[in-house]
């Protein structure tokens, strides 16, 4: 009688483990890197296709629960950095007065605000300037006021351009530019 219980338990264990192995073979969690940064939620490989969360692709994501659709809007945003009237990309450590000029094209959704911020090599973010959008356009320019920033350590600083879809939503990064601070 005991051997029947052992056989039933062994069979049940075999069936459960084989279904877990099959499920693992069909979908695998994988690491994905976009522009040198690892996607925080990861991604899945299912039947030879990679699925990445849309919010990781630097765009505005709208989900319509009633229609069961997702819309990703990724406008073309070009960021230029100016010290006086001279464009730059690398800087020496220390304080620098500059402004950010952003050109936005192909914006195919309404937004309520934009923001420019800088992130230091340690990951600390400082907002530079934000502005509400009152007139909807598919293309526009946004230039920050001159501001002084202390590049207090060598490394890569990221200037990001953010958009806000609605008053209740968070800002979403849609483009970025890297400044390298050098020891000089």
Protein backbone atom coordinates (compact mmCIF):
# COMPACT_ATOMS: atom_id res chain seq x y z
CA UNK A 1 0.00 0.00 0.00
CA UNK A 2 2.83 2.39 0.81
CA UNK A 3 4.45 1.82 -2.59
CA UNK A 4 1.23 3.07 -4.28
CA UNK A 5 1.43 6.33 -2.32
CA UNK A 6 5.09 6.73 -3.22
CA UNK A 7 4.30 6.04 -6.89
CA UNK A 8 1.43 8.58 -6.91
CA UNK A 9 3.62 11.23 -5.21
CA UNK A 10 6.48 10.56 -7.65
CA UNK A 11 4.12 10.80 -10.64
CA UNK A 12 2.60 14.07 -9.33
CA UNK A 13 6.07 15.54 -8.73
CA UNK A 14 7.20 14.50 -12.23
CA UNK A 15 4.15 16.08 -13.88
CA UNK A 16 4.53 19.35 -11.93
CA UNK A 17 8.24 19.69 -12.63
CA UNK A 18 7.86 18.93 -16.33
CA UNK A 19 5.16 21.58 -16.73
CA UNK A 20 7.37 24.15 -14.95
CA UNK A 21 10.28 23.25 -17.25
CA UNK A 22 8.01 23.54 -20.30
CA UNK A 23 6.72 26.94 -19.18
CA UNK A 24 10.28 28.13 -18.55
CA UNK A 25 11.30 26.98 -22.04
CA UNK A 26 8.40 28.91 -23.62
CA UNK A 27 9.01 32.23 -21.77
CA UNK A 28 12.30 33.34 -20.28
CA UNK A 29 13.04 36.53 -18.35
CA UNK A 30 16.04 38.21 -19.96
CA UNK A 31 18.15 41.34 -19.41
CA UNK A 32 17.77 44.15 -21.95
CA UNK A 33 20.03 47.18 -22.32
CA UNK A 34 18.88 50.36 -24.10
CA UNK A 35 21.55 52.98 -24.79
CA UNK A 36 23.84 51.56 -22.12
CA UNK A 37 21.22 51.35 -19.36
CA UNK A 38 19.65 48.13 -18.20
CA UNK A 39 15.85 48.02 -18.47
CA UNK A 40 14.64 48.03 -14.87
CA UNK A 41 11.69 45.67 -15.33
CA UNK A 42 13.61 43.34 -17.61
CA UNK A 43 12.00 41.69 -20.59
CA UNK A 44 10.74 38.31 -21.70
CA UNK A 45 11.67 36.04 -24.56
CA UNK A 46 8.54 34.19 -25.72
CA UNK A 47 8.62 31.94 -28.77
CA UNK A 48 11.80 33.61 -30.02
CA UNK A 49 10.47 37.18 -29.69
CA UNK A 50 11.64 39.74 -27.13
CA UNK A 51 8.97 41.70 -25.25
CA UNK A 52 10.08 44.92 -23.51
CA UNK A 53 7.82 47.16 -21.37
CA UNK A 54 6.89 50.20 -23.49
CA UNK A 55 7.54 52.64 -20.63
CA UNK A 56 11.26 51.77 -20.94
CA UNK A 57 11.54 53.14 -24.51
CA UNK A 58 11.47 56.86 -23.55
CA UNK A 59 8.10 57.90 -24.87
CA UNK A 60 4.59 58.77 -23.77
CA UNK A 61 2.50 55.64 -23.20
CA UNK A 62 -1.32 55.79 -23.22
CA UNK A 63 -3.35 52.74 -22.23
CA UNK A 64 -7.04 52.61 -23.13
CA UNK A 65 -8.57 49.92 -20.92
CA UNK A 66 -11.94 49.99 -22.73
CA UNK A 67 -10.43 49.45 -26.19
CA UNK A 68 -7.57 47.30 -24.82
CA UNK A 69 -5.00 49.31 -26.79
CA UNK A 70 -1.65 50.89 -25.99
CA UNK A 71 -0.35 53.94 -27.85
CA UNK A 72 3.35 54.91 -27.72
CA UNK A 73 4.26 58.45 -28.79
CA UNK A 74 7.95 59.11 -29.26
CA UNK A 75 8.58 62.58 -30.71
CA UNK A 76 11.89 63.58 -32.24
CA UNK A 77 13.65 65.73 -29.65
CA UNK A 78 17.07 67.23 -30.31
CA UNK A 79 18.94 68.76 -27.38
CA UNK A 80 21.65 71.40 -27.80
CA UNK A 81 23.78 72.81 -24.97
CA UNK A 82 25.01 76.41 -25.17
CA UNK A 83 27.58 78.35 -23.16
CA UNK A 84 26.84 81.90 -24.31
CA UNK A 85 26.30 81.29 -28.06
CA UNK A 86 28.74 78.37 -28.35
CA UNK A 87 27.54 74.75 -28.42
CA UNK A 88 29.44 72.30 -26.20
CA UNK A 89 29.42 68.68 -25.07
CA UNK A 90 32.35 68.18 -22.69
CA UNK A 91 33.20 70.43 -19.75
CA UNK A 92 35.90 70.80 -17.13
CA UNK A 93 35.01 70.15 -13.49
CA UNK A 94 33.60 73.21 -11.78
CA UNK A 95 30.76 75.68 -12.20
CA UNK A 96 29.43 76.51 -15.65
CA UNK A 97 26.69 78.90 -16.76
CA UNK A 98 24.77 77.51 -19.74
CA UNK A 99 21.32 76.93 -21.25
CA UNK A 100 19.58 74.06 -22.98
CA UNK A 101 17.87 74.42 -26.35
CA UNK A 102 15.45 71.64 -27.34
CA UNK A 103 13.82 71.19 -30.72
CA UNK A 104 10.69 68.99 -30.76
CA UNK A 105 9.29 67.52 -34.00
CA UNK A 106 6.58 64.97 -34.77
CA UNK A 107 4.67 65.31 -31.49
CA UNK A 108 1.44 63.43 -32.23
CA UNK A 109 -0.31 63.75 -28.89
CA UNK A 110 -1.37 66.57 -26.57
CA UNK A 111 0.83 67.36 -23.55
CA UNK A 112 0.39 69.76 -20.63
CA UNK A 113 4.03 70.50 -19.70
CA UNK A 114 7.71 70.01 -20.51
CA UNK A 115 10.74 69.94 -18.24
CA UNK A 116 14.53 69.86 -18.55
CA UNK A 117 16.59 68.25 -15.78
CA UNK A 118 20.18 67.12 -15.22
CA UNK A 119 21.34 63.93 -13.52
CA UNK A 120 24.84 63.74 -12.03
CA UNK A 121 27.08 60.63 -12.15
CA UNK A 122 25.69 59.52 -8.75
CA UNK A 123 22.10 59.56 -10.03
CA UNK A 124 20.96 62.77 -8.28
CA UNK A 125 18.50 64.77 -10.39
CA UNK A 126 18.16 68.57 -10.42
CA UNK A 127 15.30 70.17 -12.32
CA UNK A 128 16.52 73.00 -14.53
CA UNK A 129 13.25 74.47 -15.81
CA UNK A 130 9.67 73.42 -16.56
CA UNK A 131 6.88 75.09 -18.47
CA UNK A 132 3.18 74.47 -19.01
CA UNK A 133 2.09 74.00 -22.61
CA UNK A 134 -0.97 76.09 -23.47
CA UNK A 135 -1.01 75.77 -27.26
CA UNK A 136 -0.73 72.31 -28.80
CA UNK A 137 1.65 71.99 -31.76
CA UNK A 138 3.30 69.05 -33.46
CA UNK A 139 6.65 70.91 -33.39
CA UNK A 140 8.13 73.62 -31.18
CA UNK A 141 11.33 74.88 -29.54
CA UNK A 142 12.04 75.16 -25.83
CA UNK A 143 15.02 77.07 -24.47
CA UNK A 144 15.85 77.25 -20.77
CA UNK A 145 17.07 80.37 -19.06
CA UNK A 146 20.80 80.60 -18.38
CA UNK A 147 21.60 78.76 -15.17
CA UNK A 148 24.76 77.85 -13.30
CA UNK A 149 25.49 74.23 -12.49
CA UNK A 150 28.39 72.78 -10.50
CA UNK A 151 29.99 69.84 -12.29
CA UNK A 152 31.69 68.91 -9.01
CA UNK A 153 33.00 65.49 -10.04
CA UNK A 154 34.36 63.96 -13.21
CA UNK A 155 31.99 61.68 -15.09
CA UNK A 156 28.89 61.59 -17.24
CA UNK A 157 26.00 63.95 -16.57
CA UNK A 158 22.71 63.42 -18.40
CA UNK A 159 20.48 66.28 -19.50
CA UNK A 160 16.96 64.97 -20.01
CA UNK A 161 13.93 66.40 -21.79
CA UNK A 162 10.65 65.33 -20.18
CA UNK A 163 6.99 65.63 -21.18
CA UNK A 164 3.84 65.41 -19.11
CA UNK A 165 0.70 63.96 -20.74
CA UNK A 166 -1.85 65.21 -18.20
CA UNK A 167 -1.98 67.15 -14.94
CA UNK A 168 -2.35 63.86 -13.01
CA UNK A 169 0.50 62.02 -14.77
CA UNK A 170 4.23 62.07 -14.07
CA UNK A 171 6.88 63.53 -16.33
CA UNK A 172 8.24 61.01 -18.85
CA UNK A 173 11.77 61.11 -20.27
CA UNK A 174 11.62 61.39 -24.07
CA UNK A 175 15.21 62.38 -24.94
CA UNK A 176 18.59 62.84 -23.31
CA UNK A 177 22.04 64.24 -23.98
CA UNK A 178 25.26 63.35 -22.15
CA UNK A 179 27.79 65.89 -20.88
CA UNK A 180 31.19 64.52 -19.84
CA UNK A 181 32.94 66.43 -17.05
CA UNK A 182 36.72 66.04 -17.31
CA UNK A 183 39.45 66.46 -14.67
CA UNK A 184 41.37 69.47 -16.01
